[in-house]
Amino acid sequence: MINILIIDDDSVIRSLLQSFLSMKKYKVESVSNGIDALTAISVTKFDIVITDLKLKKFRGADLIKKMQVIQPRVKLIAMSGDTSFDTLPEEIRTSIALIRKPFRLEDVESIIQNLSVVQN
């Protein structure tokens, strides 16, 4: 079973993604901030992390770099409702999947399935 971590300070998005992905039979955990995300990824192996790039007290690129150090094989999906993608360093932007808010849940699942195929 694919283990997914969702990181978003918006409780509606977190809940929506968690409910949808759980219904699709993924194992899902969610947190609301970067500190809790680093704690979670330090103690649990995740296959995929879905993170918002605009978190309070944490820049998206910094969080992504720290997660990649802790779990180098984790696949990352970054979400943003603005131009945050443009500010990501090139090496990060090309190593992760990107999705703009608002998004369709089916698009998120499609990205997860594609990442899962690459992973296996």
PDB file of N, CA and C in Angstrom:
ATOM      1  N   MET A   1       0.845  -1.183   0.000  1.00  0.00           N
ATOM      2  CA  MET A   1       0.000   0.000   0.000  1.00  0.00           C
ATOM      3  C   MET A   1       0.889   1.245   0.000  1.00  0.00           C
ATOM      4  N   ILE A   2       0.540   2.204  -0.807  1.00  0.00           N
ATOM      5  CA  ILE A   2       1.302   3.451  -0.909  1.00  0.00           C
ATOM      6  C   ILE A   2       0.980   4.343   0.282  1.00  0.00           C
ATOM      7  N   ASN A   3       2.030   4.813   0.944  1.00  0.00           N
ATOM      8  CA  ASN A   3       1.904   5.652   2.133  1.00  0.00           C
ATOM      9  C   ASN A   3       2.157   7.111   1.740  1.00  0.00           C
ATOM     10  N   ILE A   4       1.184   7.986   2.000  1.00  0.00           N
ATOM     11  CA  ILE A   4       1.227   9.374   1.553  1.00  0.00           C
ATOM     12  C   ILE A   4       1.144  10.326   2.741  1.00  0.00           C
ATOM     13  N   LEU A   5       1.963  11.365   2.718  1.00  0.00           N
ATOM     14  CA  LEU A   5       1.903  12.450   3.696  1.00  0.00           C
ATOM     15  C   LEU A   5       1.398  13.703   2.991  1.00  0.00           C
ATOM     16  N   ILE A   6       0.388  14.335   3.563  1.00  0.00           N
ATOM     17  CA  ILE A   6      -0.155  15.595   3.037  1.00  0.00           C
ATOM     18  C   ILE A   6       0.244  16.713   3.996  1.00  0.00           C
ATOM     19  N   ILE A   7       0.794  17.790   3.439  1.00  0.00           N
ATOM     20  CA  ILE A   7       1.187  18.945   4.248  1.00  0.00           C
ATOM     21  C   ILE A   7       0.509  20.185   3.676  1.00  0.00           C
ATOM     22  N   ASP A   8      -0.402  20.753   4.459  1.00  0.00           N
ATOM     23  CA  ASP A   8      -1.073  21.983   4.033  1.00  0.00           C
ATOM     24  C   ASP A   8      -1.654  22.657   5.257  1.00  0.00           C
ATOM     25  N   ASP A   9      -1.492  23.972   5.362  1.00  0.00           N
ATOM     26  CA  ASP A   9      -2.047  24.681   6.513  1.00  0.00           C
ATOM     27  C   ASP A   9      -3.529  24.996   6.334  1.00  0.00           C
ATOM     28  N   ASP A  10      -4.067  24.696   5.175  1.00  0.00           N
ATOM     29  CA  ASP A  10      -5.492  24.868   4.911  1.00  0.00           C
ATOM     30  C   ASP A  10      -6.204  23.560   5.281  1.00  0.00           C
ATOM     31  N   SER A  11      -6.981  23.582   6.352  1.00  0.00           N
ATOM     32  CA  SER A  11      -7.623  22.361   6.849  1.00  0.00           C
ATOM     33  C   SER A  11      -8.614  21.775   5.842  1.00  0.00           C
ATOM     34  N   VAL A  12      -9.234  22.613   5.029  1.00  0.00           N
ATOM     35  CA  VAL A  12     -10.201  22.118   4.040  1.00  0.00           C
ATOM     36  C   VAL A  12      -9.486  21.280   2.986  1.00  0.00           C
ATOM     37  N   ILE A  13      -8.376  21.787   2.474  1.00  0.00           N
ATOM     38  CA  ILE A  13      -7.618  21.049   1.456  1.00  0.00           C
ATOM     39  C   ILE A  13      -7.060  19.759   2.046  1.00  0.00           C
ATOM     40  N   ARG A  14      -6.508  19.857   3.250  1.00  0.00           N
ATOM     41  CA  ARG A  14      -5.977  18.664   3.928  1.00  0.00           C
ATOM     42  C   ARG A  14      -7.048  17.591   4.072  1.00  0.00           C
ATOM     43  N   SER A  15      -8.191  17.987   4.575  1.00  0.00           N
ATOM     44  CA  SER A  15      -9.285  17.049   4.800  1.00  0.00           C
ATOM     45  C   SER A  15      -9.801  16.463   3.489  1.00  0.00           C
ATOM     46  N   LEU A  16      -9.950  17.299   2.485  1.00  0.00           N
ATOM     47  CA  LEU A  16     -10.436  16.858   1.179  1.00  0.00           C
ATOM     48  C   LEU A  16      -9.493  15.824   0.573  1.00  0.00           C
ATOM     49  N   LEU A  17      -8.197  16.142   0.553  1.00  0.00           N
ATOM     50  CA  LEU A  17      -7.215  15.209  -0.002  1.00  0.00           C
ATOM     51  C   LEU A  17      -7.161  13.919   0.810  1.00  0.00           C
ATOM     52  N   GLN A  18      -7.162  14.040   2.128  1.00  0.00           N
ATOM     53  CA  GLN A  18      -7.080  12.854   2.969  1.00  0.00           C
ATOM     54  C   GLN A  18      -8.289  11.946   2.754  1.00  0.00           C
ATOM     55  N   SER A  19      -9.475  12.513   2.718  1.00  0.00           N
ATOM     56  CA  SER A  19     -10.691  11.717   2.511  1.00  0.00           C
ATOM     57  C   SER A  19     -10.684  11.041   1.143  1.00  0.00           C
ATOM     58  N   PHE A  20     -10.368  11.817   0.119  1.00  0.00           N
ATOM     59  CA  PHE A  20     -10.368  11.282  -1.248  1.00  0.00           C
ATOM     60  C   PHE A  20      -9.350  10.161  -1.406  1.00  0.00           C
ATOM     61  N   LEU A  21      -8.122  10.401  -0.954  1.00  0.00           N
ATOM     62  CA  LEU A  21      -7.070   9.406  -1.135  1.00  0.00           C
ATOM     63  C   LEU A  21      -7.305   8.172  -0.261  1.00  0.00           C
ATOM     64  N   SER A  22      -7.869   8.350   0.900  1.00  0.00           N
ATOM     65  CA  SER A  22      -8.207   7.203   1.752  1.00  0.00           C
ATOM     66  C   SER A  22      -9.269   6.334   1.081  1.00  0.00           C
ATOM     67  N   MET A  23     -10.250   6.976   0.452  1.00  0.00           N
ATOM     68  CA  MET A  23     -11.282   6.231  -0.286  1.00  0.00           C
ATOM     69  C   MET A  23     -10.682   5.443  -1.440  1.00  0.00           C
ATOM     70  N   LYS A  24      -9.578   5.947  -1.987  1.00  0.00           N
ATOM     71  CA  LYS A  24      -8.902   5.282  -3.097  1.00  0.00           C
ATOM     72  C   LYS A  24      -7.924   4.216  -2.602  1.00  0.00           C
ATOM     73  N   LYS A  25      -7.958   3.953  -1.297  1.00  0.00           N
ATOM     74  CA  LYS A  25      -7.193   2.878  -0.661  1.00  0.00           C
ATOM     75  C   LYS A  25      -5.706   3.185  -0.476  1.00  0.00           C
ATOM     76  N   TYR A  26      -5.362   4.473  -0.416  1.00  0.00           N
ATOM     77  CA  TYR A  26      -4.004   4.859  -0.037  1.00  0.00           C
ATOM     78  C   TYR A  26      -3.960   5.015   1.480  1.00  0.00           C
ATOM     79  N   LYS A  27      -2.803   4.765   2.059  1.00  0.00           N
ATOM     80  CA  LYS A  27      -2.609   5.046   3.476  1.00  0.00           C
ATOM     81  C   LYS A  27      -2.191   6.511   3.561  1.00  0.00           C
ATOM     82  N   VAL A  28      -2.924   7.319   4.322  1.00  0.00           N
ATOM     83  CA  VAL A  28      -2.719   8.768   4.294  1.00  0.00           C
ATOM     84  C   VAL A  28      -2.585   9.330   5.702  1.00  0.00           C
ATOM     85  N   GLU A  29      -1.589  10.192   5.850  1.00  0.00           N
ATOM     86  CA  GLU A  29      -1.408  10.963   7.080  1.00  0.00           C
ATOM     87  C   GLU A  29      -1.331  12.428   6.657  1.00  0.00           C
ATOM     88  N   SER A  30      -1.791  13.330   7.520  1.00  0.00           N
ATOM     89  CA  SER A  30      -1.704  14.748   7.157  1.00  0.00           C
ATOM     90  C   SER A  30      -1.247  15.574   8.346  1.00  0.00           C
ATOM     91  N   VAL A  31      -0.548  16.655   8.024  1.00  0.00           N
ATOM     92  CA  VAL A  31      -0.076  17.609   9.026  1.00  0.00           C
ATOM     93  C   VAL A  31      -0.293  19.012   8.487  1.00  0.00           C
ATOM     94  N   SER A  32      -0.267  19.995   9.399  1.00  0.00           N
ATOM     95  CA  SER A  32      -0.603  21.358   9.001  1.00  0.00           C
ATOM     96  C   SER A  32       0.597  22.284   8.867  1.00  0.00           C
ATOM     97  N   ASN A  33       1.808  21.790   9.168  1.00  0.00           N
ATOM     98  CA  ASN A  33       2.965  22.688   9.094  1.00  0.00           C
ATOM     99  C   ASN A  33       4.253  21.920   8.833  1.00  0.00           C
ATOM    100  N   GLY A  34       5.295  22.665   8.511  1.00  0.00           N
ATOM    101  CA  GLY A  34       6.575  22.067   8.165  1.00  0.00           C
ATOM    102  C   GLY A  34       7.256  21.353   9.311  1.00  0.00           C
ATOM    103  N   ILE A  35       7.137  21.873  10.516  1.00  0.00           N
ATOM    104  CA  ILE A  35       7.765  21.234  11.680  1.00  0.00           C
ATOM    105  C   ILE A  35       7.162  19.845  11.888  1.00  0.00           C
ATOM    106  N   ASP A  36       5.838  19.756  11.879  1.00  0.00           N
ATOM    107  CA  ASP A  36       5.185  18.454  12.040  1.00  0.00           C
ATOM    108  C   ASP A  36       5.507  17.525  10.870  1.00  0.00           C
ATOM    109  N   ALA A  37       5.668  18.092   9.687  1.00  0.00           N
ATOM    110  CA  ALA A  37       6.019  17.281   8.514  1.00  0.00           C
ATOM    111  C   ALA A  37       7.396  16.651   8.687  1.00  0.00           C
ATOM    112  N   LEU A  38       8.360  17.432   9.151  1.00  0.00           N
ATOM    113  CA  LEU A  38       9.703  16.893   9.357  1.00  0.00           C
ATOM    114  C   LEU A  38       9.715  15.828  10.442  1.00  0.00           C
ATOM    115  N   THR A  39       8.915  16.021  11.473  1.00  0.00           N
ATOM    116  CA  THR A  39       8.799  15.005  12.520  1.00  0.00           C
ATOM    117  C   THR A  39       8.201  13.730  11.937  1.00  0.00           C
ATOM    118  N   ALA A  40       7.123  13.860  11.178  1.00  0.00           N
ATOM    119  CA  ALA A  40       6.451  12.693  10.599  1.00  0.00           C
ATOM    120  C   ALA A  40       7.372  11.931   9.658  1.00  0.00           C
ATOM    121  N   ILE A  41       8.081  12.655   8.809  1.00  0.00           N
ATOM    122  CA  ILE A  41       8.936  12.005   7.815  1.00  0.00           C
ATOM    123  C   ILE A  41      10.195  11.408   8.457  1.00  0.00           C
ATOM    124  N   SER A  42      10.512  11.864   9.667  1.00  0.00           N
ATOM    125  CA  SER A  42      11.653  11.306  10.395  1.00  0.00           C
ATOM    126  C   SER A  42      11.322   9.955  11.038  1.00  0.00           C
ATOM    127  N   VAL A  43      10.052   9.729  11.329  1.00  0.00           N
ATOM    128  CA  VAL A  43       9.676   8.497  12.031  1.00  0.00           C
ATOM    129  C   VAL A  43       8.893   7.504  11.169  1.00  0.00           C
ATOM    130  N   THR A  44       8.376   7.954  10.025  1.00  0.00           N
ATOM    131  CA  THR A  44       7.569   7.088   9.172  1.00  0.00           C
ATOM    132  C   THR A  44       8.088   7.151   7.743  1.00  0.00           C
ATOM    133  N   LYS A  45       8.165   6.001   7.083  1.00  0.00           N
ATOM    134  CA  LYS A  45       8.573   5.985   5.679  1.00  0.00           C
ATOM    135  C   LYS A  45       7.354   6.302   4.814  1.00  0.00           C
ATOM    136  N   PHE A  46       7.474   7.359   4.043  1.00  0.00           N
ATOM    137  CA  PHE A  46       6.421   7.732   3.102  1.00  0.00           C
ATOM    138  C   PHE A  46       6.914   7.478   1.688  1.00  0.00           C
ATOM    139  N   ASP A  47       6.008   7.045   0.829  1.00  0.00           N
ATOM    140  CA  ASP A  47       6.320   6.865  -0.577  1.00  0.00           C
ATOM    141  C   ASP A  47       6.180   8.182  -1.327  1.00  0.00           C
ATOM    142  N   ILE A  48       5.154   8.950  -0.925  1.00  0.00           N
ATOM    143  CA  ILE A  48       4.837  10.219  -1.606  1.00  0.00           C
ATOM    144  C   ILE A  48       4.480  11.265  -0.566  1.00  0.00           C
ATOM    145  N   VAL A  49       4.968  12.483  -0.785  1.00  0.00           N
ATOM    146  CA  VAL A  49       4.593  13.627   0.038  1.00  0.00           C
ATOM    147  C   VAL A  49       3.945  14.657  -0.868  1.00  0.00           C
ATOM    148  N   ILE A  50       2.773  15.131  -0.463  1.00  0.00           N
ATOM    149  CA  ILE A  50       2.077  16.207  -1.172  1.00  0.00           C
ATOM    150  C   ILE A  50       2.150  17.425  -0.255  1.00  0.00           C
ATOM    151  N   THR A  51       2.817  18.480  -0.707  1.00  0.00           N
ATOM    152  CA  THR A  51       2.997  19.643   0.151  1.00  0.00           C
ATOM    153  C   THR A  51       2.618  20.946  -0.532  1.00  0.00           C
ATOM    154  N   ASP A  52       2.026  21.807   0.249  1.00  0.00           N
ATOM    155  CA  ASP A  52       1.791  23.178  -0.201  1.00  0.00           C
ATOM    156  C   ASP A  52       3.138  23.897  -0.130  1.00  0.00           C
ATOM    157  N   LEU A  53       3.369  24.814  -1.034  1.00  0.00           N
ATOM    158  CA  LEU A  53       4.630  25.563  -1.014  1.00  0.00           C
ATOM    159  C   LEU A  53       4.575  26.782  -0.108  1.00  0.00           C
ATOM    160  N   LYS A  54       3.383  27.229   0.220  1.00  0.00           N
ATOM    161  CA  LYS A  54       3.209  28.412   1.070  1.00  0.00           C
ATOM    162  C   LYS A  54       2.727  27.991   2.441  1.00  0.00           C
ATOM    163  N   LEU A  55       3.660  27.629   3.295  1.00  0.00           N
ATOM    164  CA  LEU A  55       3.335  27.250   4.660  1.00  0.00           C
ATOM    165  C   LEU A  55       3.828  28.339   5.603  1.00  0.00           C
ATOM    166  N   LYS A  56       3.109  28.549   6.670  1.00  0.00           N
ATOM    167  CA  LYS A  56       3.553  29.528   7.663  1.00  0.00           C
ATOM    168  C   LYS A  56       4.867  29.048   8.270  1.00  0.00           C
ATOM    169  N   LYS A  57       5.809  29.946   8.415  1.00  0.00           N
ATOM    170  CA  LYS A  57       7.104  29.679   9.057  1.00  0.00           C
ATOM    171  C   LYS A  57       8.009  28.745   8.274  1.00  0.00           C
ATOM    172  N   PHE A  58       7.679  28.411   7.027  1.00  0.00           N
ATOM    173  CA  PHE A  58       8.537  27.517   6.256  1.00  0.00           C
ATOM    174  C   PHE A  58       8.412  27.827   4.773  1.00  0.00           C
ATOM    175  N   ARG A  59       9.527  28.036   4.115  1.00  0.00           N
ATOM    176  CA  ARG A  59       9.516  28.187   2.664  1.00  0.00           C
ATOM    177  C   ARG A  59       9.451  26.808   2.039  1.00  0.00           C
ATOM    178  N   GLY A  60       8.697  26.685   0.980  1.00  0.00           N
ATOM    179  CA  GLY A  60       8.523  25.395   0.322  1.00  0.00           C
ATOM    180  C   GLY A  60       9.816  24.732  -0.090  1.00  0.00           C
ATOM    181  N   ALA A  61      10.723  25.495  -0.689  1.00  0.00           N
ATOM    182  CA  ALA A  61      11.992  24.927  -1.145  1.00  0.00           C
ATOM    183  C   ALA A  61      12.811  24.405   0.027  1.00  0.00           C
ATOM    184  N   ASP A  62      12.803  25.124   1.140  1.00  0.00           N
ATOM    185  CA  ASP A  62      13.559  24.681   2.317  1.00  0.00           C
ATOM    186  C   ASP A  62      13.002  23.375   2.868  1.00  0.00           C
ATOM    187  N   LEU A  63      11.694  23.279   2.952  1.00  0.00           N
ATOM    188  CA  LEU A  63      11.063  22.067   3.449  1.00  0.00           C
ATOM    189  C   LEU A  63      11.364  20.892   2.522  1.00  0.00           C
ATOM    190  N   ILE A  64      11.256  21.110   1.229  1.00  0.00           N
ATOM    191  CA  ILE A  64      11.526  20.048   0.260  1.00  0.00           C
ATOM    192  C   ILE A  64      12.957  19.547   0.394  1.00  0.00           C
ATOM    193  N   LYS A  65      13.901  20.449   0.498  1.00  0.00           N
ATOM    194  CA  LYS A  65      15.310  20.045   0.653  1.00  0.00           C
ATOM    195  C   LYS A  65      15.510  19.209   1.905  1.00  0.00           C
ATOM    196  N   LYS A  66      14.924  19.629   3.015  1.00  0.00           N
ATOM    197  CA  LYS A  66      15.074  18.886   4.278  1.00  0.00           C
ATOM    198  C   LYS A  66      14.435  17.502   4.172  1.00  0.00           C
ATOM    199  N   MET A  67      13.274  17.413   3.542  1.00  0.00           N
ATOM    200  CA  MET A  67      12.617  16.113   3.387  1.00  0.00           C
ATOM    201  C   MET A  67      13.437  15.188   2.499  1.00  0.00           C
ATOM    202  N   GLN A  68      14.048  15.742   1.451  1.00  0.00           N
ATOM    203  CA  GLN A  68      14.857  14.925   0.549  1.00  0.00           C
ATOM    204  C   GLN A  68      16.117  14.412   1.242  1.00  0.00           C
ATOM    205  N   VAL A  69      16.619  15.135   2.226  1.00  0.00           N
ATOM    206  CA  VAL A  69      17.770  14.660   3.003  1.00  0.00           C
ATOM    207  C   VAL A  69      17.335  13.514   3.913  1.00  0.00           C
ATOM    208  N   ILE A  70      16.186  13.673   4.566  1.00  0.00           N
ATOM    209  CA  ILE A  70      15.695  12.656   5.505  1.00  0.00           C
ATOM    210  C   ILE A  70      15.287  11.381   4.766  1.00  0.00           C
ATOM    211  N   GLN A  71      14.555  11.540   3.665  1.00  0.00           N
ATOM    212  CA  GLN A  71      14.102  10.394   2.863  1.00  0.00           C
ATOM    213  C   GLN A  71      14.390  10.677   1.385  1.00  0.00           C
ATOM    214  N   PRO A  72      15.604  10.380   0.946  1.00  0.00           N
ATOM    215  CA  PRO A  72      16.008  10.716  -0.434  1.00  0.00           C
ATOM    216  C   PRO A  72      15.142  10.089  -1.529  1.00  0.00           C
ATOM    217  N   ARG A  73      14.481   8.974  -1.233  1.00  0.00           N
ATOM    218  CA  ARG A  73      13.695   8.288  -2.273  1.00  0.00           C
ATOM    219  C   ARG A  73      12.237   8.720  -2.313  1.00  0.00           C
ATOM    220  N   VAL A  74      11.825   9.584  -1.397  1.00  0.00           N
ATOM    221  CA  VAL A  74      10.432  10.000  -1.367  1.00  0.00           C
ATOM    222  C   VAL A  74      10.101  10.808  -2.622  1.00  0.00           C
ATOM    223  N   LYS A  75       8.926  10.552  -3.171  1.00  0.00           N
ATOM    224  CA  LYS A  75       8.448  11.303  -4.335  1.00  0.00           C
ATOM    225  C   LYS A  75       7.649  12.491  -3.820  1.00  0.00           C
ATOM    226  N   LEU A  76       7.849  13.648  -4.431  1.00  0.00           N
ATOM    227  CA  LEU A  76       7.220  14.872  -3.946  1.00  0.00           C
ATOM    228  C   LEU A  76       6.291  15.483  -4.976  1.00  0.00           C
ATOM    229  N   ILE A  77       5.135  15.938  -4.472  1.00  0.00           N
ATOM    230  CA  ILE A  77       4.190  16.705  -5.269  1.00  0.00           C
ATOM    231  C   ILE A  77       4.023  18.040  -4.551  1.00  0.00           C
ATOM    232  N   ALA A  78       4.326  19.129  -5.230  1.00  0.00           N
ATOM    233  CA  ALA A  78       4.187  20.460  -4.643  1.00  0.00           C
ATOM    234  C   ALA A  78       2.949  21.134  -5.207  1.00  0.00           C
ATOM    235  N   MET A  79       2.183  21.766  -4.308  1.00  0.00           N
ATOM    236  CA  MET A  79       0.959  22.476  -4.701  1.00  0.00           C
ATOM    237  C   MET A  79       1.154  23.969  -4.443  1.00  0.00           C
ATOM    238  N   SER A  80       0.562  24.774  -5.307  1.00  0.00           N
ATOM    239  CA  SER A  80       0.580  26.215  -5.076  1.00  0.00           C
ATOM    240  C   SER A  80      -0.563  26.869  -5.831  1.00  0.00           C
ATOM    241  N   GLY A  81      -1.076  27.927  -5.237  1.00  0.00           N
ATOM    242  CA  GLY A  81      -2.142  28.675  -5.881  1.00  0.00           C
ATOM    243  C   GLY A  81      -1.636  29.941  -6.545  1.00  0.00           C
ATOM    244  N   ASP A  82      -0.325  30.144  -6.513  1.00  0.00           N
ATOM    245  CA  ASP A  82       0.239  31.351  -7.116  1.00  0.00           C
ATOM    246  C   ASP A  82       1.478  30.997  -7.933  1.00  0.00           C
ATOM    247  N   THR A  83       2.425  31.884  -7.991  1.00  0.00           N
ATOM    248  CA  THR A  83       3.615  31.672  -8.818  1.00  0.00           C
ATOM    249  C   THR A  83       4.789  31.120  -8.023  1.00  0.00           C
ATOM    250  N   SER A  84       4.538  30.444  -6.922  1.00  0.00           N
ATOM    251  CA  SER A  84       5.612  29.895  -6.094  1.00  0.00           C
ATOM    252  C   SER A  84       6.526  28.954  -6.866  1.00  0.00           C
ATOM    253  N   PHE A  85       6.006  28.293  -7.884  1.00  0.00           N
ATOM    254  CA  PHE A  85       6.832  27.376  -8.664  1.00  0.00           C
ATOM    255  C   PHE A  85       8.009  28.112  -9.298  1.00  0.00           C
ATOM    256  N   ASP A  86       7.749  29.354  -9.711  1.00  0.00           N
ATOM    257  CA  ASP A  86       8.780  30.128 -10.391  1.00  0.00           C
ATOM    258  C   ASP A  86       9.958  30.444  -9.483  1.00  0.00           C
ATOM    259  N   THR A  87       9.739  30.460  -8.179  1.00  0.00           N
ATOM    260  CA  THR A  87      10.812  30.800  -7.248  1.00  0.00           C
ATOM    261  C   THR A  87      11.596  29.578  -6.778  1.00  0.00           C
ATOM    262  N   LEU A  88      11.144  28.389  -7.139  1.00  0.00           N
ATOM    263  CA  LEU A  88      11.873  27.181  -6.758  1.00  0.00           C
ATOM    264  C   LEU A  88      13.165  27.064  -7.544  1.00  0.00           C
ATOM    265  N   PRO A  89      14.239  26.653  -6.903  1.00  0.00           N
ATOM    266  CA  PRO A  89      15.479  26.403  -7.650  1.00  0.00           C
ATOM    267  C   PRO A  89      15.249  25.338  -8.725  1.00  0.00           C
ATOM    268  N   GLU A  90      15.935  25.462  -9.816  1.00  0.00           N
ATOM    269  CA  GLU A  90      15.764  24.565 -10.960  1.00  0.00           C
ATOM    270  C   GLU A  90      15.916  23.093 -10.579  1.00  0.00           C
ATOM    271  N   GLU A  91      16.900  22.765  -9.736  1.00  0.00           N
ATOM    272  CA  GLU A  91      17.130  21.353  -9.383  1.00  0.00           C
ATOM    273  C   GLU A  91      15.955  20.768  -8.595  1.00  0.00           C
ATOM    274  N   ILE A  92      15.254  21.599  -7.854  1.00  0.00           N
ATOM    275  CA  ILE A  92      14.063  21.114  -7.140  1.00  0.00           C
ATOM    276  C   ILE A  92      12.888  21.028  -8.103  1.00  0.00           C
ATOM    277  N   ARG A  93      12.701  22.076  -8.894  1.00  0.00           N
ATOM    278  CA  ARG A  93      11.558  22.124  -9.810  1.00  0.00           C
ATOM    279  C   ARG A  93      11.539  20.934 -10.768  1.00  0.00           C
ATOM    280  N   THR A  94      12.710  20.473 -11.183  1.00  0.00           N
ATOM    281  CA  THR A  94      12.766  19.371 -12.139  1.00  0.00           C
ATOM    282  C   THR A  94      12.724  18.001 -11.467  1.00  0.00           C
ATOM    283  N   SER A  95      12.817  17.955 -10.139  1.00  0.00           N
ATOM    284  CA  SER A  95      12.834  16.657  -9.450  1.00  0.00           C
ATOM    285  C   SER A  95      11.511  16.329  -8.759  1.00  0.00           C
ATOM    286  N   ILE A  96      10.531  17.219  -8.858  1.00  0.00           N
ATOM    287  CA  ILE A  96       9.255  16.991  -8.194  1.00  0.00           C
ATOM    288  C   ILE A  96       8.108  17.218  -9.177  1.00  0.00           C
ATOM    289  N   ALA A  97       6.932  16.728  -8.805  1.00  0.00           N
ATOM    290  CA  ALA A  97       5.724  16.997  -9.592  1.00  0.00           C
ATOM    291  C   ALA A  97       5.079  18.273  -9.057  1.00  0.00           C
ATOM    292  N   LEU A  98       4.502  19.056  -9.942  1.00  0.00           N
ATOM    293  CA  LEU A  98       3.888  20.329  -9.571  1.00  0.00           C
ATOM    294  C   LEU A  98       2.416  20.316  -9.954  1.00  0.00           C
ATOM    295  N   ILE A  99       1.599  20.881  -9.069  1.00  0.00           N
ATOM    296  CA  ILE A  99       0.168  20.997  -9.378  1.00  0.00           C
ATOM    297  C   ILE A  99      -0.345  22.338  -8.849  1.00  0.00           C
ATOM    298  N   ARG A 100      -1.079  23.035  -9.690  1.00  0.00           N
ATOM    299  CA  ARG A 100      -1.610  24.352  -9.314  1.00  0.00           C
ATOM    300  C   ARG A 100      -2.976  24.218  -8.652  1.00  0.00           C
ATOM    301  N   LYS A 101      -3.175  25.022  -7.616  1.00  0.00           N
ATOM    302  CA  LYS A 101      -4.485  25.135  -6.974  1.00  0.00           C
ATOM    303  C   LYS A 101      -5.294  26.173  -7.734  1.00  0.00           C
ATOM    304  N   PRO A 102      -6.558  26.010  -7.894  1.00  0.00           N
ATOM    305  CA  PRO A 102      -7.348  24.840  -7.535  1.00  0.00           C
ATOM    306  C   PRO A 102      -7.052  23.687  -8.496  1.00  0.00           C
ATOM    307  N   PHE A 103      -7.178  22.479  -8.007  1.00  0.00           N
ATOM    308  CA  PHE A 103      -6.898  21.295  -8.807  1.00  0.00           C
ATOM    309  C   PHE A 103      -8.077  20.338  -8.720  1.00  0.00           C
ATOM    310  N   ARG A 104      -8.101  19.410  -9.643  1.00  0.00           N
ATOM    311  CA  ARG A 104      -9.104  18.343  -9.599  1.00  0.00           C
ATOM    312  C   ARG A 104      -8.501  17.165  -8.846  1.00  0.00           C
ATOM    313  N   LEU A 105      -9.271  16.549  -7.996  1.00  0.00           N
ATOM    314  CA  LEU A 105      -8.777  15.404  -7.224  1.00  0.00           C
ATOM    315  C   LEU A 105      -8.289  14.288  -8.138  1.00  0.00           C
ATOM    316  N   GLU A 106      -8.943  14.113  -9.260  1.00  0.00           N
ATOM    317  CA  GLU A 106      -8.531  13.083 -10.213  1.00  0.00           C
ATOM    318  C   GLU A 106      -7.142  13.365 -10.769  1.00  0.00           C
ATOM    319  N   ASP A 107      -6.789  14.643 -10.910  1.00  0.00           N
ATOM    320  CA  ASP A 107      -5.453  14.998 -11.392  1.00  0.00           C
ATOM    321  C   ASP A 107      -4.387  14.634 -10.360  1.00  0.00           C
ATOM    322  N   VAL A 108      -4.707  14.838  -9.088  1.00  0.00           N
ATOM    323  CA  VAL A 108      -3.775  14.459  -8.026  1.00  0.00           C
ATOM    324  C   VAL A 108      -3.577  12.944  -8.041  1.00  0.00           C
ATOM    325  N   GLU A 109      -4.661  12.208  -8.153  1.00  0.00           N
ATOM    326  CA  GLU A 109      -4.544  10.748  -8.189  1.00  0.00           C
ATOM    327  C   GLU A 109      -3.745  10.285  -9.406  1.00  0.00           C
ATOM    328  N   SER A 110      -3.928  10.931 -10.527  1.00  0.00           N
ATOM    329  CA  SER A 110      -3.182  10.579 -11.730  1.00  0.00           C
ATOM    330  C   SER A 110      -1.676  10.785 -11.522  1.00  0.00           C
ATOM    331  N   ILE A 111      -1.317  11.886 -10.887  1.00  0.00           N
ATOM    332  CA  ILE A 111       0.106  12.141 -10.599  1.00  0.00           C
ATOM    333  C   ILE A 111       0.643  11.070  -9.655  1.00  0.00           C
ATOM    334  N   ILE A 112      -0.128  10.722  -8.634  1.00  0.00           N
ATOM    335  CA  ILE A 112       0.288   9.679  -7.684  1.00  0.00           C
ATOM    336  C   ILE A 112       0.501   8.355  -8.414  1.00  0.00           C
ATOM    337  N   GLN A 113      -0.409   8.002  -9.284  1.00  0.00           N
ATOM    338  CA  GLN A 113      -0.273   6.750 -10.030  1.00  0.00           C
ATOM    339  C   GLN A 113       0.970   6.772 -10.909  1.00  0.00           C
ATOM    340  N   ASN A 114       1.232   7.901 -11.562  1.00  0.00           N
ATOM    341  CA  ASN A 114       2.430   8.021 -12.397  1.00  0.00           C
ATOM    342  C   ASN A 114       3.701   7.913 -11.562  1.00  0.00           C
ATOM    343  N   LEU A 115       3.717   8.544 -10.399  1.00  0.00           N
ATOM    344  CA  LEU A 115       4.885   8.467  -9.523  1.00  0.00           C
ATOM    345  C   LEU A 115       5.072   7.051  -8.992  1.00  0.00           C
ATOM    346  N   SER A 116       3.984   6.357  -8.739  1.00  0.00           N
ATOM    347  CA  SER A 116       4.045   4.989  -8.232  1.00  0.00           C
ATOM    348  C   SER A 116       4.632   4.042  -9.268  1.00  0.00           C
ATOM    349  N   VAL A 117       4.283   4.262 -10.526  1.00  0.00           N
ATOM    350  CA  VAL A 117       4.820   3.434 -11.609  1.00  0.00           C
ATOM    351  C   VAL A 117       6.317   3.651 -11.715  1.00  0.00           C
ATOM    352  N   VAL A 118       6.766   4.903 -11.619  1.00  0.00           N
ATOM    353  CA  VAL A 118       8.190   5.225 -11.695  1.00  0.00           C
ATOM    354  C   VAL A 118       8.922   4.607 -10.519  1.00  0.00           C
ATOM    355  N   GLN A 119       8.291   4.594  -9.372  1.00  0.00           N
ATOM    356  CA  GLN A 119       8.897   4.108  -8.130  1.00  0.00           C
ATOM    357  C   GLN A 119       9.133   2.608  -8.170  1.00  0.00           C
ATOM    358  N   ASN A 120       8.234   1.861  -8.762  1.00  0.00           N
ATOM    359  CA  ASN A 120       8.329   0.395  -8.744  1.00  0.00           C
ATOM    360  C   ASN A 120       9.318  -0.150  -9.736  1.00  0.00           C
TER     361      ASN A 120
END
